[in-house]
Amino acid sequence: MAVKAADLESELIEAVRERVRERLPDDQAAAAESFVRQFYHWVPAEDLADRTPLDLYGAALSQWNLGLHRALGEVKVNVYNPEFEQHGWKSPHTIIQIISDDMPFIVDSLTMELRRQGYGIDLVIHPVVRVRRDPDGRLTDVLEPSEAASDAIAESVLHAEVGRERDSEELAKLRRNLERVLEEVRRAVEDWDAMRAQATRLAQELPSRPPPVDPKEIEEAGAFLDWVANDHFTFLGYREYELVLNDDDDDEASLKVLPDTGLGILRAPPKSEYTTLRPKALELARAPHLLVLTKANSRSTVHRPVYLDYIGVKKFSAEGEVVGECRFLGLYTTAAYRDRLRDIPLLREKVAGVLARAGFPPASHDRKALLEVLESYPRDSLFQVNTEELFTIAMGILGVGERPRIRLFVRPDALDRFVECLVTIPRDRFNTENRERVAAILLQAFGGTHLDWSVQLSESVLARVQYIIHCPDGPPAHYDVSEIEARLINATRAWADELRAALVEAHGEDRGMKLYRRYERAFPPAYRSDWLARSAVSDIDRIEQIRAGERTIISLYRPLEAATGVLRCKLYSAGGVSLSEVLPTFEHMGARVVDERPYEIVPAGSDPMWLYDFGLRCVAEHVESVRDIFQDTFLAASRGELEDDGLNGLVLRAALTGRQISVIRAVARYLRQAGIAYSDAYMVRTLIAHPDIATLLVRLFTARFDPDRSDPDAADRLVAEIEEAIDGVQSLDEDRILRNFLSVIRAMLRTSYFRLADDGTPRPFLSFKLDPTAIPILPRPRPRFEIFVYSPRFEAVHLRGGKVARGGLRWSDRPEDFRTEILGLMKAQMVKNSLIVPVGAKGGFVVKRPPAQGGREAQIEEAVACYKLFLAGLLDLTDNIVAGEVVGPRRVVRYDDDDPYLVVAADKGTAEFSDIANGVSASYGFWLGDAFASGGSHGYDHKAMGITARG
């Protein structure tokens, strides 16, 4: 039977109370138990369901401990990341704990500040607990909510959990900001009565000391001040100013702060005593009107996160000149927004003026409709707009009626600090994407830095959206409302909402919204036209991988409507990719590019990313089965980890991996060096034409050399199967090519293929040891042993006349026939060493990708890197001697006798490399030590010591 959430909550809280009774001293337990009960009383059961009693106990007890000592008026703040070892409980969140005197606005203001700082709020607990304290602030009792007591202190207890902040400096900053907000709340609450009294005083003084303005205006101004004082305005700050004119220039003036007049959030002295007035502000200050109603430049940190409302009451001299101002800052209350216009001083006069100018008959439909427009007009703006502006905008909205069309109405602020834009949008086109598109156009049109918006939705077919565009430098002097309106019409339409929903569904609320904010404007129109928003989720996931450091990602897929053999491939890259770069790679893999669709995607705060969607026609019908192999091989080829040639077509034709194909490729490269009469291209075509035989060759290689699955019997059966398959090949040339591949694999004695690097990745080369006598294609006389090393960067060969043989390694400049070069040198060395031991040997390598930039130094650097890999390829296959015993190399299956003797020397191009060679030898722990390569700084000079054939 399912457990009800309420029952589960009751059980959890009871477990916490039981723990309190068990663990706290008797003189604290009863009060603490009452505190815990009140602490969790109003928390929804679902917010506690996944918590353990220990964690609930830890959260409540740490809050209890915070409040054990608190002086009257003191605010206790704690911001930390609980860890079990340090705090006795653990949470995945950052915890914020506050205890203060109970006062209005605490919860609103603190949660508002947390969101302003960018923290997601997971839980807020905020009971008001009545307590007793002794004169020193020590907690003595916790009262029950129903318990009457004249000496009780009501304390606001707040516990908030936000996304974990690991940076200690950010935690300290968060605490300072919360303490600042709490101080502003305290000042506003403490001075609220005094600020309201100032408004009442000013209203009462107006009739007795009337300023030189219209008596009707004085009457309305007084009524307005009484109205705001009557719970229609949340007073947050008050201060008085003196208007100081420049003696040398009447067009310049400043406002001077009058000392000791500040209240609430303006109680603290300002940073500067004077504020220079801009021309528009000075003009407004001198205007013969009693009140200034507008918005302040700063947002409220108390109660609501909006720009503060500003009520200025001008002071006049006996001569009728403006000499100063009494300024109120605050927020109009909910009652101010609910009252009818005819009951609000000042506004009722504006409405009467608009109705009179419209001239509609009193009982007419048009008059009622106009009055409805005025009642629904943004109330904040009604306080600021003059009657002329209000008439123009209201009649324009009335003219739109119920027609689903976009209209723009513009009103600049009297102080040129912002522009108000009212936009009507058809309901079916109003969504987040269109709202933000409109915002972007308006910001650009008016040169704004940021904006605020609000929307009014009713039963109408139109949504009415208000944008306040903040323009620190003032709006442009000239703008074309019709042109801006046309841009809004063209821009509004609803792909982004679907993207947001898809991201939240795929990644959850927090991660999904984070990605949405990054990508909401990232996709170009062509992409939105071509793809559903759901499709963008997987593209975003891969682009995130690119942003995290991946160079290129591809994704192969088959559209539902695609014909057989037709696929599509998405390629993701941090930089642009030309078709000429990727087309050969696709074609080498057996996929022909038939079309291309590029998209530039620009995530917020990121460099542009590129997505290419290629249409492919493939030779294989069931490409899905090798999708991952295709993608991995393509990327390895694009990174240079695999050679980009036609053998990669075996991915689709034979389902071979890129690394398995490297075995075939290495044998092909060896056969070319061995003197086979067929070109690389012809060998590639042969293997592509016979993918079944290519697969069998790889299986034979695996059966012989995989140390985990080596099976000589299976290898023998595979040889027979391969020979039978070759017997069925019609072309004699192809027959010969395939038999040569078979002979090389059968002649292999050892390979490094199954050895991995220390990090578990494959080695960047493939080496194999051969018995040349078993390869019919090789001319006589043949070396006794041969090692061939293959890599996309280089190729190398080492030939020995016997088990104990010595000779140099050279950097060859003959890529087409370097084995022929080395073979000739080995034979010469054999003649030289005919009278001494060791016998002759020779090795050499060619660099296949010499750097195009950097000159000789860069070429030597690449040669050294290839030389090291060459030596590693040799040592991977060479036995070692440890404690007098021959030890075979790890993960190498051997088909020959022990063979621990390997000595090299310098030769053409490698005269300075002996120390490098000995370093590689040392890294392998090779038994010869620095005798591995002669001529090094610690080795011997074989010529100087007379141990060559000539010596």
Foldseek 3Di string as FASTA:
>chain_A
DDDDLVNLQVVLLVLLLVVLVVPPDPQCSVQLNLQSCQQCVPPDSVLCNPPHSQQSNLQSVVLVVQQQADAAFDKGWDWAADDCVPRVHHDQFIKIKIKGFDDPQLVVLLVVVCVVVPWDWDDKTKGWWWFAADNRRGTRHTDDPVDDDPRITTMIIMMTTTRHDPDPVVRVVSRVVSVVLVVLRVQLRVCQVVVLVVLLVVLVCCVVDPFPDDVVLNPLSSVQSVVCSVQFWRFAKKFKWWWAADPVDNQWIWTFTDPPRIGRNRRDDDPDRIDIADNLRVVVQFDLHFWAWDFDPAADSGNDGGTWTKIWGFDADPVNTTTIIIITTTGGDPVLLVDQQCPHRPSVVLLVLLLVVVPDPPPDPLSVQLSVLSNPPPSSVSRQDHSVLSNVVSVVVSVCPQPAAWAWRWDAGSRLFKIKIKIKHFPVQDDPLLVVVLVVLVCVQFVAPDWDKDWDDDPGRIIIMIIIGGHRPGGDPDGDRVVSRVSSRVRTGDQLVQLLVLQCVVPNDPRSVVLSLFASPFWDPVDVVVDHSNVVNVVSVVVVVVVVPDAKFKAKAADPPDDFQKIKMKMKGLDDDDCVLQQLLCVLQAWHWDDKDKIWTGTPPDRIMIIMMTIIGGPARPCVVLRVQSRVLSVCCSVLLAPRHNLNNLCRVQVDHRLLSVLVVLLLLVVLLLPDPDDPVVLSVLCSVCSVLSVLLSVLLCCCFFPVRNDVVVNVVSLVVSLVVLVPDPDPVSSVSSVQSVQFSVQWFKKCQNPDDPVRHTDQKIKTKGQVVSRVSHDPPAARIKMWIDHSFKIKMKGHNDLWEEEAEAADPCSSHVVVVFVVVQVVQQVLCVPHPDGGMYMYMYTPCQDPDDPPVSRLVSVLVVVLVVLVRVVQQAWAADPNRTHGHPSMHGPDDHRHHAAYEHDYPCLQCLVVSLVSCVVVVHPVRSRRYADDPPHHDCVVVVPTSVD
